[in-house]
Amino acid sequence: MATPDIRPVGDLPDSIGKTAARELSHHGVRSLAEAAAHTPKELLAIHGVGPKAVRILTEALAEKGLSWRPE
């Protein structure tokens, strides 16, 4: 079964992939600001969100002057 593509999700970069975008959205993360309220470790614990998506999100957060929540 094909993964539905729900992108764009807020201002999350499309390059994180359709599975990561869908799973983040299902977990209430629909913007970079909402992503910044988490730690990378928390997002990596979500099935479908891998190191590549977290790296892309880290770069996008930095471009907006945001950073991850401290552990």
N, C-alpha and C. Protein backbone atom coordinates (compact mmCIF):
# COMPACT_ATOMS: atom_id res chain seq x y z
N MET A 1 0.84 -1.17 0.00
CA MET A 1 0.00 0.00 0.00
C MET A 1 0.89 1.24 0.00
N ALA A 2 0.57 2.19 -0.83
CA ALA A 2 1.36 3.41 -0.95
C ALA A 2 1.10 4.33 0.25
N THR A 3 2.15 5.03 0.65
CA THR A 3 2.03 6.00 1.74
C THR A 3 1.36 7.26 1.20
N PRO A 4 0.25 7.68 1.82
CA PRO A 4 -0.39 8.91 1.33
C PRO A 4 0.53 10.11 1.55
N ASP A 5 0.54 11.00 0.58
CA ASP A 5 1.39 12.18 0.65
C ASP A 5 0.53 13.36 1.10
N ILE A 6 0.70 13.79 2.35
CA ILE A 6 -0.12 14.87 2.89
C ILE A 6 0.63 16.21 2.86
N ARG A 7 1.83 16.22 2.27
CA ARG A 7 2.60 17.45 2.22
C ARG A 7 1.91 18.47 1.33
N PRO A 8 2.05 19.75 1.59
CA PRO A 8 2.86 20.33 2.66
C PRO A 8 2.17 20.28 4.01
N VAL A 9 2.99 20.17 5.04
CA VAL A 9 2.50 20.22 6.42
C VAL A 9 3.08 21.48 7.04
N GLY A 10 2.23 22.47 7.22
CA GLY A 10 2.69 23.75 7.79
C GLY A 10 3.92 24.25 7.07
N ASP A 11 4.93 24.64 7.85
CA ASP A 11 6.17 25.11 7.25
C ASP A 11 7.28 24.06 7.35
N LEU A 12 6.90 22.79 7.59
CA LEU A 12 7.90 21.72 7.62
C LEU A 12 8.42 21.52 6.20
N PRO A 13 9.72 21.31 6.04
CA PRO A 13 10.29 21.12 4.70
C PRO A 13 9.75 19.85 4.05
N ASP A 14 9.35 19.95 2.79
CA ASP A 14 8.88 18.77 2.06
C ASP A 14 9.95 17.69 1.98
N SER A 15 11.20 18.10 2.03
CA SER A 15 12.31 17.16 1.86
C SER A 15 12.44 16.16 3.02
N ILE A 16 11.66 16.33 4.10
CA ILE A 16 11.72 15.33 5.18
C ILE A 16 11.09 14.02 4.75
N GLY A 17 10.31 14.04 3.67
CA GLY A 17 9.69 12.83 3.15
C GLY A 17 8.24 12.72 3.58
N LYS A 18 7.48 12.00 2.76
CA LYS A 18 6.04 11.93 3.02
C LYS A 18 5.70 11.12 4.26
N THR A 19 6.45 10.06 4.55
CA THR A 19 6.16 9.27 5.75
C THR A 19 6.43 10.08 7.01
N ALA A 20 7.58 10.75 7.07
CA ALA A 20 7.91 11.56 8.24
C ALA A 20 6.91 12.70 8.41
N ALA A 21 6.54 13.35 7.30
CA ALA A 21 5.56 14.44 7.38
C ALA A 21 4.23 13.94 7.94
N ARG A 22 3.78 12.80 7.44
CA ARG A 22 2.50 12.24 7.90
C ARG A 22 2.56 11.88 9.38
N GLU A 23 3.62 11.21 9.80
CA GLU A 23 3.72 10.77 11.19
C GLU A 23 3.89 11.95 12.14
N LEU A 24 4.67 12.93 11.76
CA LEU A 24 4.80 14.12 12.60
C LEU A 24 3.45 14.80 12.76
N SER A 25 2.72 14.93 11.66
CA SER A 25 1.40 15.55 11.70
C SER A 25 0.46 14.78 12.63
N HIS A 26 0.49 13.46 12.55
CA HIS A 26 -0.35 12.63 13.42
C HIS A 26 0.01 12.80 14.89
N HIS A 27 1.26 13.18 15.15
CA HIS A 27 1.72 13.39 16.53
C HIS A 27 1.67 14.86 16.94
N GLY A 28 0.96 15.68 16.16
CA GLY A 28 0.75 17.07 16.54
C GLY A 28 1.86 18.02 16.17
N VAL A 29 2.82 17.58 15.36
CA VAL A 29 3.92 18.45 14.94
C VAL A 29 3.63 18.88 13.50
N ARG A 30 3.11 20.10 13.37
CA ARG A 30 2.70 20.60 12.05
C ARG A 30 3.43 21.88 11.65
N SER A 31 4.44 22.24 12.43
CA SER A 31 5.22 23.45 12.11
C SER A 31 6.62 23.30 12.71
N LEU A 32 7.53 24.15 12.25
CA LEU A 32 8.88 24.15 12.81
C LEU A 32 8.84 24.55 14.28
N ALA A 33 7.97 25.48 14.65
CA ALA A 33 7.88 25.89 16.05
C ALA A 33 7.43 24.72 16.92
N GLU A 34 6.50 23.91 16.41
CA GLU A 34 6.06 22.73 17.17
C GLU A 34 7.16 21.68 17.23
N ALA A 35 7.94 21.55 16.17
CA ALA A 35 9.07 20.63 16.19
C ALA A 35 10.10 21.07 17.23
N ALA A 36 10.33 22.39 17.32
CA ALA A 36 11.32 22.92 18.26
C ALA A 36 10.93 22.69 19.71
N ALA A 37 9.67 22.39 19.96
CA ALA A 37 9.21 22.12 21.33
C ALA A 37 9.59 20.71 21.78
N HIS A 38 10.25 19.96 20.90
CA HIS A 38 10.66 18.59 21.19
C HIS A 38 12.17 18.48 21.11
N THR A 39 12.68 17.34 21.53
CA THR A 39 14.10 17.03 21.33
C THR A 39 14.21 16.13 20.10
N PRO A 40 15.36 16.11 19.46
CA PRO A 40 15.53 15.18 18.34
C PRO A 40 15.23 13.74 18.75
N LYS A 41 15.63 13.37 19.96
CA LYS A 41 15.41 12.01 20.44
C LYS A 41 13.91 11.68 20.49
N GLU A 42 13.09 12.64 20.92
CA GLU A 42 11.65 12.42 20.97
C GLU A 42 11.08 12.19 19.57
N LEU A 43 11.55 12.97 18.61
CA LEU A 43 11.03 12.81 17.25
C LEU A 43 11.54 11.51 16.62
N LEU A 44 12.76 11.13 16.94
CA LEU A 44 13.29 9.87 16.42
C LEU A 44 12.51 8.66 16.96
N ALA A 45 11.87 8.82 18.08
CA ALA A 45 11.08 7.74 18.67
C ALA A 45 9.76 7.51 17.91
N ILE A 46 9.41 8.45 17.04
CA ILE A 46 8.18 8.31 16.25
C ILE A 46 8.49 7.44 15.03
N HIS A 47 7.72 6.37 14.88
CA HIS A 47 7.90 5.47 13.73
C HIS A 47 7.78 6.28 12.44
N GLY A 48 8.75 6.15 11.56
CA GLY A 48 8.72 6.86 10.29
C GLY A 48 9.55 8.13 10.27
N VAL A 49 10.05 8.54 11.43
CA VAL A 49 10.90 9.73 11.50
C VAL A 49 12.32 9.25 11.80
N GLY A 50 13.19 9.43 10.82
CA GLY A 50 14.55 8.93 10.97
C GLY A 50 15.58 10.05 11.04
N PRO A 51 16.85 9.64 11.08
CA PRO A 51 17.94 10.61 11.19
C PRO A 51 17.96 11.64 10.06
N LYS A 52 17.60 11.24 8.84
CA LYS A 52 17.60 12.19 7.73
C LYS A 52 16.56 13.29 7.98
N ALA A 53 15.37 12.91 8.40
CA ALA A 53 14.33 13.91 8.67
C ALA A 53 14.76 14.85 9.78
N VAL A 54 15.39 14.32 10.83
CA VAL A 54 15.83 15.16 11.94
C VAL A 54 16.94 16.10 11.49
N ARG A 55 17.83 15.62 10.64
CA ARG A 55 18.90 16.49 10.11
C ARG A 55 18.30 17.63 9.29
N ILE A 56 17.34 17.32 8.43
CA ILE A 56 16.69 18.35 7.61
C ILE A 56 15.94 19.34 8.50
N LEU A 57 15.27 18.83 9.52
CA LEU A 57 14.56 19.71 10.44
C LEU A 57 15.53 20.60 11.21
N THR A 58 16.67 20.05 11.62
CA THR A 58 17.68 20.83 12.34
C THR A 58 18.14 22.01 11.48
N GLU A 59 18.40 21.75 10.20
CA GLU A 59 18.83 22.81 9.29
C GLU A 59 17.72 23.85 9.11
N ALA A 60 16.47 23.40 8.97
CA ALA A 60 15.35 24.32 8.78
C ALA A 60 15.11 25.16 10.03
N LEU A 61 15.26 24.55 11.21
CA LEU A 61 15.12 25.30 12.46
C LEU A 61 16.18 26.40 12.54
N ALA A 62 17.42 26.05 12.20
CA ALA A 62 18.52 27.02 12.27
C ALA A 62 18.26 28.20 11.32
N GLU A 63 17.73 27.90 10.14
CA GLU A 63 17.44 28.97 9.17
C GLU A 63 16.40 29.95 9.72
N LYS A 64 15.50 29.47 10.59
CA LYS A 64 14.45 30.31 11.18
C LYS A 64 14.86 30.87 12.54
N GLY A 65 16.10 30.60 12.97
CA GLY A 65 16.57 31.08 14.26
C GLY A 65 16.00 30.28 15.43
N LEU A 66 15.57 29.05 15.16
CA LEU A 66 15.01 28.18 16.20
C LEU A 66 15.98 27.06 16.51
N SER A 67 15.76 26.41 17.64
CA SER A 67 16.57 25.23 17.98
C SER A 67 15.70 24.26 18.75
N TRP A 68 16.23 23.06 18.92
CA TRP A 68 15.50 22.01 19.63
C TRP A 68 15.36 22.35 21.10
N ARG A 69 14.35 21.79 21.74
CA ARG A 69 14.19 21.92 23.18
C ARG A 69 15.38 21.21 23.84
N PRO A 70 15.97 21.81 24.85
CA PRO A 70 17.09 21.14 25.53
C PRO A 70 16.63 19.82 26.16
N GLU A 71 17.55 18.85 26.17
CA GLU A 71 17.21 17.53 26.75
C GLU A 71 17.16 17.62 28.26
